[in-house]
Amino acid sequence: MNTFNESAIASYITSMAEKNCKKLSDESLSDMETGKLLGKLEAYNDFLDRFGFDRVECKNVPLEEK
């Protein structure tokens, strides 16, 4: 069982990850910007994994870029 604080932080991290998923659909992003967003998503998912929450998967990101 998670504490309220952990759940609140996980909710925030999940919403930030989803926001970055939406940003990744922008085709005008440079490779550097895309890489930064993918790195943030990886860090967010590592945090969520550590505390037993579901990962955020971006449906708009091809599998080879994940």
PDB file of N, CA and C in Angstrom:
ATOM      1  N   MET A   1       0.834  -1.181   0.000  1.00  0.00           N
ATOM      2  CA  MET A   1       0.000   0.000   0.000  1.00  0.00           C
ATOM      3  C   MET A   1       0.879   1.245   0.000  1.00  0.00           C
ATOM      4  N   ASN A   2       0.489   2.220  -0.799  1.00  0.00           N
ATOM      5  CA  ASN A   2       1.249   3.454  -0.915  1.00  0.00           C
ATOM      6  C   ASN A   2       0.638   4.546  -0.048  1.00  0.00           C
ATOM      7  N   THR A   3       1.496   5.436   0.402  1.00  0.00           N
ATOM      8  CA  THR A   3       1.002   6.560   1.183  1.00  0.00           C
ATOM      9  C   THR A   3       0.349   7.574   0.262  1.00  0.00           C
ATOM     10  N   PHE A   4      -0.394   8.486   0.858  1.00  0.00           N
ATOM     11  CA  PHE A   4      -1.031   9.540   0.072  1.00  0.00           C
ATOM     12  C   PHE A   4       0.029  10.344  -0.671  1.00  0.00           C
ATOM     13  N   ASN A   5       1.124  10.644  -0.007  1.00  0.00           N
ATOM     14  CA  ASN A   5       2.179  11.443  -0.622  1.00  0.00           C
ATOM     15  C   ASN A   5       2.753  10.746  -1.854  1.00  0.00           C
ATOM     16  N   GLU A   6       3.029   9.449  -1.746  1.00  0.00           N
ATOM     17  CA  GLU A   6       3.543   8.698  -2.900  1.00  0.00           C
ATOM     18  C   GLU A   6       2.538   8.699  -4.040  1.00  0.00           C
ATOM     19  N   SER A   7       1.272   8.522  -3.727  1.00  0.00           N
ATOM     20  CA  SER A   7       0.233   8.511  -4.748  1.00  0.00           C
ATOM     21  C   SER A   7       0.104   9.873  -5.423  1.00  0.00           C
ATOM     22  N   ALA A   8       0.201  10.944  -4.642  1.00  0.00           N
ATOM     23  CA  ALA A   8       0.117  12.293  -5.201  1.00  0.00           C
ATOM     24  C   ALA A   8       1.297  12.568  -6.134  1.00  0.00           C
ATOM     25  N   ILE A   9       2.476  12.168  -5.723  1.00  0.00           N
ATOM     26  CA  ILE A   9       3.666  12.374  -6.555  1.00  0.00           C
ATOM     27  C   ILE A   9       3.566  11.532  -7.819  1.00  0.00           C
ATOM     28  N   ALA A  10       3.123  10.304  -7.695  1.00  0.00           N
ATOM     29  CA  ALA A  10       2.971   9.431  -8.862  1.00  0.00           C
ATOM     30  C   ALA A  10       1.944   9.999  -9.837  1.00  0.00           C
ATOM     31  N   SER A  11       0.887  10.590  -9.321  1.00  0.00           N
ATOM     32  CA  SER A  11      -0.121  11.210 -10.175  1.00  0.00           C
ATOM     33  C   SER A  11       0.484  12.376 -10.953  1.00  0.00           C
ATOM     34  N   TYR A  12       1.286  13.188 -10.275  1.00  0.00           N
ATOM     35  CA  TYR A  12       1.955  14.313 -10.930  1.00  0.00           C
ATOM     36  C   TYR A  12       2.934  13.811 -11.995  1.00  0.00           C
ATOM     37  N   ILE A  13       3.733  12.804 -11.658  1.00  0.00           N
ATOM     38  CA  ILE A  13       4.716  12.247 -12.595  1.00  0.00           C
ATOM     39  C   ILE A  13       3.996  11.670 -13.813  1.00  0.00           C
ATOM     40  N   THR A  14       2.893  10.981 -13.591  1.00  0.00           N
ATOM     41  CA  THR A  14       2.120  10.409 -14.692  1.00  0.00           C
ATOM     42  C   THR A  14       1.596  11.508 -15.613  1.00  0.00           C
ATOM     43  N   SER A  15       1.086  12.578 -15.035  1.00  0.00           N
ATOM     44  CA  SER A  15       0.565  13.664 -15.876  1.00  0.00           C
ATOM     45  C   SER A  15       1.688  14.356 -16.645  1.00  0.00           C
ATOM     46  N   MET A  16       2.868  14.488 -16.041  1.00  0.00           N
ATOM     47  CA  MET A  16       4.003  15.078 -16.753  1.00  0.00           C
ATOM     48  C   MET A  16       4.448  14.172 -17.900  1.00  0.00           C
ATOM     49  N   ALA A  17       4.462  12.872 -17.674  1.00  0.00           N
ATOM     50  CA  ALA A  17       4.841  11.929 -18.717  1.00  0.00           C
ATOM     51  C   ALA A  17       3.845  11.986 -19.873  1.00  0.00           C
ATOM     52  N   GLU A  18       2.567  12.057 -19.551  1.00  0.00           N
ATOM     53  CA  GLU A  18       1.540  12.135 -20.601  1.00  0.00           C
ATOM     54  C   GLU A  18       1.668  13.434 -21.385  1.00  0.00           C
ATOM     55  N   LYS A  19       2.015  14.507 -20.697  1.00  0.00           N
ATOM     56  CA  LYS A  19       2.230  15.800 -21.358  1.00  0.00           C
ATOM     57  C   LYS A  19       3.402  15.689 -22.348  1.00  0.00           C
ATOM     58  N   ASN A  20       4.474  14.998 -21.933  1.00  0.00           N
ATOM     59  CA  ASN A  20       5.620  14.813 -22.821  1.00  0.00           C
ATOM     60  C   ASN A  20       5.280  13.911 -23.996  1.00  0.00           C
ATOM     61  N   CYS A  21       4.387  12.942 -23.789  1.00  0.00           N
ATOM     62  CA  CYS A  21       3.932  12.103 -24.907  1.00  0.00           C
ATOM     63  C   CYS A  21       3.262  12.965 -25.973  1.00  0.00           C
ATOM     64  N   LYS A  22       2.450  13.910 -25.533  1.00  0.00           N
ATOM     65  CA  LYS A  22       1.784  14.802 -26.477  1.00  0.00           C
ATOM     66  C   LYS A  22       2.801  15.668 -27.216  1.00  0.00           C
ATOM     67  N   LYS A  23       3.829  16.139 -26.510  1.00  0.00           N
ATOM     68  CA  LYS A  23       4.865  16.960 -27.139  1.00  0.00           C
ATOM     69  C   LYS A  23       5.624  16.169 -28.204  1.00  0.00           C
ATOM     70  N   LEU A  24       5.774  14.856 -27.980  1.00  0.00           N
ATOM     71  CA  LEU A  24       6.518  14.030 -28.936  1.00  0.00           C
ATOM     72  C   LEU A  24       5.814  13.908 -30.288  1.00  0.00           C
ATOM     73  N   SER A  25       4.526  14.199 -30.325  1.00  0.00           N
ATOM     74  CA  SER A  25       3.802  14.110 -31.596  1.00  0.00           C
ATOM     75  C   SER A  25       4.081  15.313 -32.494  1.00  0.00           C
ATOM     76  N   ASP A  26       4.750  16.325 -31.966  1.00  0.00           N
ATOM     77  CA  ASP A  26       5.109  17.506 -32.748  1.00  0.00           C
ATOM     78  C   ASP A  26       6.249  17.150 -33.700  1.00  0.00           C
ATOM     79  N   GLU A  27       5.972  17.201 -34.989  1.00  0.00           N
ATOM     80  CA  GLU A  27       6.971  16.793 -35.988  1.00  0.00           C
ATOM     81  C   GLU A  27       8.079  17.811 -36.185  1.00  0.00           C
ATOM     82  N   SER A  28       7.936  19.002 -35.617  1.00  0.00           N
ATOM     83  CA  SER A  28       8.966  20.024 -35.793  1.00  0.00           C
ATOM     84  C   SER A  28      10.070  19.937 -34.742  1.00  0.00           C
ATOM     85  N   LEU A  29      10.002  18.943 -33.863  1.00  0.00           N
ATOM     86  CA  LEU A  29      11.035  18.778 -32.838  1.00  0.00           C
ATOM     87  C   LEU A  29      12.346  18.329 -33.467  1.00  0.00           C
ATOM     88  N   SER A  30      13.433  18.885 -32.975  1.00  0.00           N
ATOM     89  CA  SER A  30      14.748  18.433 -33.428  1.00  0.00           C
ATOM     90  C   SER A  30      15.066  17.094 -32.775  1.00  0.00           C
ATOM     91  N   ASP A  31      16.102  16.437 -33.263  1.00  0.00           N
ATOM     92  CA  ASP A  31      16.523  15.163 -32.660  1.00  0.00           C
ATOM     93  C   ASP A  31      16.921  15.362 -31.197  1.00  0.00           C
ATOM     94  N   MET A  32      17.536  16.500 -30.904  1.00  0.00           N
ATOM     95  CA  MET A  32      17.963  16.790 -29.529  1.00  0.00           C
ATOM     96  C   MET A  32      16.750  16.941 -28.614  1.00  0.00           C
ATOM     97  N   GLU A  33      15.744  17.687 -29.064  1.00  0.00           N
ATOM     98  CA  GLU A  33      14.536  17.875 -28.264  1.00  0.00           C
ATOM     99  C   GLU A  33      13.801  16.553 -28.062  1.00  0.00           C
ATOM    100  N   THR A  34      13.733  15.743 -29.106  1.00  0.00           N
ATOM    101  CA  THR A  34      13.087  14.432 -29.004  1.00  0.00           C
ATOM    102  C   THR A  34      13.833  13.560 -28.007  1.00  0.00           C
ATOM    103  N   GLY A  35      15.154  13.576 -28.079  1.00  0.00           N
ATOM    104  CA  GLY A  35      15.969  12.793 -27.154  1.00  0.00           C
ATOM    105  C   GLY A  35      15.774  13.210 -25.706  1.00  0.00           C
ATOM    106  N   LYS A  36      15.671  14.518 -25.483  1.00  0.00           N
ATOM    107  CA  LYS A  36      15.443  15.010 -24.118  1.00  0.00           C
ATOM    108  C   LYS A  36      14.092  14.534 -23.585  1.00  0.00           C
ATOM    109  N   LEU A  37      13.062  14.618 -24.425  1.00  0.00           N
ATOM    110  CA  LEU A  37      11.740  14.176 -23.997  1.00  0.00           C
ATOM    111  C   LEU A  37      11.721  12.674 -23.717  1.00  0.00           C
ATOM    112  N   LEU A  38      12.386  11.893 -24.563  1.00  0.00           N
ATOM    113  CA  LEU A  38      12.445  10.454 -24.344  1.00  0.00           C
ATOM    114  C   LEU A  38      13.208  10.122 -23.062  1.00  0.00           C
ATOM    115  N   GLY A  39      14.256  10.891 -22.783  1.00  0.00           N
ATOM    116  CA  GLY A  39      15.009  10.704 -21.545  1.00  0.00           C
ATOM    117  C   GLY A  39      14.162  11.000 -20.318  1.00  0.00           C
ATOM    118  N   LYS A  40      13.366  12.079 -20.399  1.00  0.00           N
ATOM    119  CA  LYS A  40      12.474  12.407 -19.288  1.00  0.00           C
ATOM    120  C   LYS A  40      11.444  11.304 -19.090  1.00  0.00           C
ATOM    121  N   LEU A  41      10.893  10.791 -20.188  1.00  0.00           N
ATOM    122  CA  LEU A  41       9.907   9.711 -20.085  1.00  0.00           C
ATOM    123  C   LEU A  41      10.516   8.478 -19.423  1.00  0.00           C
ATOM    124  N   GLU A  42      11.738   8.178 -19.781  1.00  0.00           N
ATOM    125  CA  GLU A  42      12.409   7.024 -19.175  1.00  0.00           C
ATOM    126  C   GLU A  42      12.585   7.233 -17.668  1.00  0.00           C
ATOM    127  N   ALA A  43      12.991   8.436 -17.279  1.00  0.00           N
ATOM    128  CA  ALA A  43      13.168   8.742 -15.862  1.00  0.00           C
ATOM    129  C   ALA A  43      11.833   8.684 -15.119  1.00  0.00           C
ATOM    130  N   TYR A  44      10.782   9.236 -15.716  1.00  0.00           N
ATOM    131  CA  TYR A  44       9.459   9.181 -15.092  1.00  0.00           C
ATOM    132  C   TYR A  44       9.024   7.733 -14.900  1.00  0.00           C
ATOM    133  N   ASN A  45       9.210   6.914 -15.931  1.00  0.00           N
ATOM    134  CA  ASN A  45       8.801   5.514 -15.840  1.00  0.00           C
ATOM    135  C   ASN A  45       9.635   4.741 -14.828  1.00  0.00           C
ATOM    136  N   ASP A  46      10.916   5.054 -14.720  1.00  0.00           N
ATOM    137  CA  ASP A  46      11.750   4.411 -13.695  1.00  0.00           C
ATOM    138  C   ASP A  46      11.221   4.725 -12.301  1.00  0.00           C
ATOM    139  N   PHE A  47      10.828   5.973 -12.091  1.00  0.00           N
ATOM    140  CA  PHE A  47      10.267   6.362 -10.801  1.00  0.00           C
ATOM    141  C   PHE A  47       8.976   5.588 -10.528  1.00  0.00           C
ATOM    142  N   LEU A  48       8.097   5.556 -11.530  1.00  0.00           N
ATOM    143  CA  LEU A  48       6.824   4.856 -11.357  1.00  0.00           C
ATOM    144  C   LEU A  48       7.039   3.373 -11.081  1.00  0.00           C
ATOM    145  N   ASP A  49       7.994   2.765 -11.796  1.00  0.00           N
ATOM    146  CA  ASP A  49       8.323   1.353 -11.553  1.00  0.00           C
ATOM    147  C   ASP A  49       8.796   1.129 -10.123  1.00  0.00           C
ATOM    148  N   ARG A  50       9.634   2.013  -9.661  1.00  0.00           N
ATOM    149  CA  ARG A  50      10.226   1.856  -8.334  1.00  0.00           C
ATOM    150  C   ARG A  50       9.174   1.812  -7.228  1.00  0.00           C
ATOM    151  N   PHE A  51       8.111   2.571  -7.422  1.00  0.00           N
ATOM    152  CA  PHE A  51       7.069   2.635  -6.404  1.00  0.00           C
ATOM    153  C   PHE A  51       5.846   1.787  -6.747  1.00  0.00           C
ATOM    154  N   GLY A  52       5.980   0.949  -7.775  1.00  0.00           N
ATOM    155  CA  GLY A  52       4.928  -0.012  -8.077  1.00  0.00           C
ATOM    156  C   GLY A  52       3.730   0.527  -8.839  1.00  0.00           C
ATOM    157  N   PHE A  53       3.908   1.638  -9.529  1.00  0.00           N
ATOM    158  CA  PHE A  53       2.819   2.196 -10.330  1.00  0.00           C
ATOM    159  C   PHE A  53       2.998   1.791 -11.794  1.00  0.00           C
ATOM    160  N   ASP A  54       1.918   1.914 -12.575  1.00  0.00           N
ATOM    161  CA  ASP A  54       1.968   1.567 -14.000  1.00  0.00           C
ATOM    162  C   ASP A  54       2.810   2.567 -14.778  1.00  0.00           C
ATOM    163  N   ARG A  55       3.536   2.037 -15.753  1.00  0.00           N
ATOM    164  CA  ARG A  55       4.338   2.877 -16.641  1.00  0.00           C
ATOM    165  C   ARG A  55       3.429   3.645 -17.595  1.00  0.00           C
ATOM    166  N   VAL A  56       3.943   4.747 -18.122  1.00  0.00           N
ATOM    167  CA  VAL A  56       3.236   5.531 -19.131  1.00  0.00           C
ATOM    168  C   VAL A  56       3.840   5.176 -20.480  1.00  0.00           C
ATOM    169  N   GLU A  57       3.011   4.686 -21.384  1.00  0.00           N
ATOM    170  CA  GLU A  57       3.461   4.338 -22.730  1.00  0.00           C
ATOM    171  C   GLU A  57       2.892   5.347 -23.715  1.00  0.00           C
ATOM    172  N   CYS A  58       3.736   5.857 -24.561  1.00  0.00           N
ATOM    173  CA  CYS A  58       3.301   6.807 -25.589  1.00  0.00           C
ATOM    174  C   CYS A  58       2.889   6.046 -26.843  1.00  0.00           C
ATOM    175  N   LYS A  59       1.653   6.193 -27.221  1.00  0.00           N
ATOM    176  CA  LYS A  59       1.155   5.495 -28.399  1.00  0.00           C
ATOM    177  C   LYS A  59       1.667   6.127 -29.695  1.00  0.00           C
ATOM    178  N   ASN A  60       2.082   7.390 -29.627  1.00  0.00           N
ATOM    179  CA  ASN A  60       2.520   8.089 -30.827  1.00  0.00           C
ATOM    180  C   ASN A  60       4.029   7.968 -31.080  1.00  0.00           C
ATOM    181  N   VAL A  61       4.735   7.178 -30.262  1.00  0.00           N
ATOM    182  CA  VAL A  61       6.168   7.010 -30.433  1.00  0.00           C
ATOM    183  C   VAL A  61       6.454   5.635 -31.009  1.00  0.00           C
ATOM    184  N   PRO A  62       7.089   5.587 -32.196  1.00  0.00           N
ATOM    185  CA  PRO A  62       7.434   4.276 -32.762  1.00  0.00           C
ATOM    186  C   PRO A  62       8.303   3.468 -31.796  1.00  0.00           C
ATOM    187  N   LEU A  63       8.130   2.154 -31.831  1.00  0.00           N
ATOM    188  CA  LEU A  63       8.805   1.256 -30.892  1.00  0.00           C
ATOM    189  C   LEU A  63      10.320   1.427 -30.913  1.00  0.00           C
ATOM    190  N   GLU A  64      10.924   1.654 -32.084  1.00  0.00           N
ATOM    191  CA  GLU A  64      12.381   1.765 -32.140  1.00  0.00           C
ATOM    192  C   GLU A  64      12.908   3.021 -31.477  1.00  0.00           C
ATOM    193  N   GLU A  65      12.064   4.027 -31.205  1.00  0.00           N
ATOM    194  CA  GLU A  65      12.519   5.238 -30.551  1.00  0.00           C
ATOM    195  C   GLU A  65      12.413   5.164 -29.042  1.00  0.00           C
ATOM    196  N   LYS A  66      11.706   4.179 -28.515  1.00  0.00           N
ATOM    197  CA  LYS A  66      11.511   4.086 -27.061  1.00  0.00           C
ATOM    198  C   LYS A  66      12.765   3.623 -26.382  1.00  0.00           C
TER     199      LYS A  66
END
